[in-house]
Amino acid sequence: MSTPSPAAADSAASAAVRTAVRIGARVRAGARTGGPKDDGPRILEQILGWTLVVVLAVFVTRAGLM
C-alpha cells in the first residue's frame, strides 16, 4: 500500500476545508435562530411558558422530589 505524498495530502486537506466553508456559509444563510426579530404572538409564548413551569412544579411535588 503506497502512502500519498505530502503535497497530495495537503491538497486534499485544503479541498476539505474549502468544502466545509462553503457548506457552513449555506447553513448560516438559511438558518433561523428564532431571535428577537421574529414576529409572533408574544403573549402566547408567555402563557405557554408559565403553563409549562406550573405543570413541571406539579409533577415534581407529586413525585415527592421537593
Protein backbone atom coordinates (compact mmCIF):
# COMPACT_ATOMS: atom_id res chain seq x y z
CA MET A 1 0.00 0.00 0.00
CA SER A 2 1.50 3.32 -1.00
CA THR A 3 1.26 6.45 1.09
CA PRO A 4 0.19 9.70 -0.55
CA SER A 5 2.77 12.39 -0.99
CA PRO A 6 2.67 15.32 1.45
CA ALA A 7 1.61 17.65 -1.34
CA ALA A 8 -1.35 15.42 -2.24
CA ALA A 9 -2.38 15.12 1.41
CA ASP A 10 -2.14 18.91 1.83
CA SER A 11 -4.20 19.46 -1.31
CA ALA A 12 -6.88 17.05 -0.08
CA ALA A 13 -6.98 18.76 3.31
CA SER A 14 -7.35 22.21 1.77
CA ALA A 15 -10.12 20.93 -0.52
CA ALA A 16 -11.94 19.55 2.53
CA VAL A 17 -11.61 22.88 4.31
CA ARG A 18 -12.95 24.77 1.29
CA THR A 19 -15.92 22.41 1.10
CA ALA A 20 -16.64 22.83 4.81
CA VAL A 21 -16.52 26.61 4.49
CA ARG A 22 -18.97 26.54 1.58
CA ILE A 23 -21.37 24.26 3.47
CA GLY A 24 -21.09 26.45 6.57
CA ALA A 25 -21.92 29.56 4.56
CA ARG A 26 -25.03 27.91 3.10
CA VAL A 27 -26.20 26.76 6.53
CA ARG A 28 -25.70 30.22 8.07
CA ALA A 29 -27.52 31.87 5.18
CA GLY A 30 -30.60 29.68 5.65
CA ALA A 31 -30.55 29.21 9.41
CA ARG A 32 -33.11 30.97 11.57
CA THR A 33 -32.45 31.34 15.25
CA GLY A 34 -35.86 32.48 16.41
CA GLY A 35 -34.33 35.62 17.83
CA PRO A 36 -35.98 38.93 18.65
CA LYS A 37 -36.57 39.92 15.01
CA ASP A 38 -39.11 37.13 14.52
CA ASP A 39 -42.65 38.41 14.80
CA GLY A 40 -45.09 36.27 16.68
CA PRO A 41 -47.65 36.15 19.45
CA ARG A 42 -45.51 37.01 22.50
CA ILE A 43 -48.41 36.66 24.92
CA LEU A 44 -48.99 33.10 23.74
CA GLU A 45 -45.31 32.31 24.35
CA GLN A 46 -45.56 33.72 27.87
CA ILE A 47 -48.72 31.78 28.68
CA LEU A 48 -47.32 28.51 27.35
CA GLY A 49 -44.04 29.05 29.18
CA TRP A 50 -45.68 29.68 32.53
CA THR A 51 -48.06 26.76 31.98
CA LEU A 52 -45.05 24.51 31.45
CA VAL A 53 -43.48 25.81 34.67
CA VAL A 54 -46.64 25.13 36.67
CA VAL A 55 -47.11 21.63 35.20
CA LEU A 56 -43.48 20.78 35.93
CA ALA A 57 -43.86 22.04 39.51
CA VAL A 58 -46.96 19.89 39.99
CA PHE A 59 -45.16 16.79 38.72
CA VAL A 60 -42.15 17.45 40.94
CA THR A 61 -44.26 17.93 44.08
CA ARG A 62 -46.48 14.90 43.30
CA ALA A 63 -43.41 12.73 42.83
CA GLY A 64 -42.15 13.85 46.24
CA LEU A 65 -38.93 15.33 44.93
CA MET A 66 -39.44 18.59 46.88
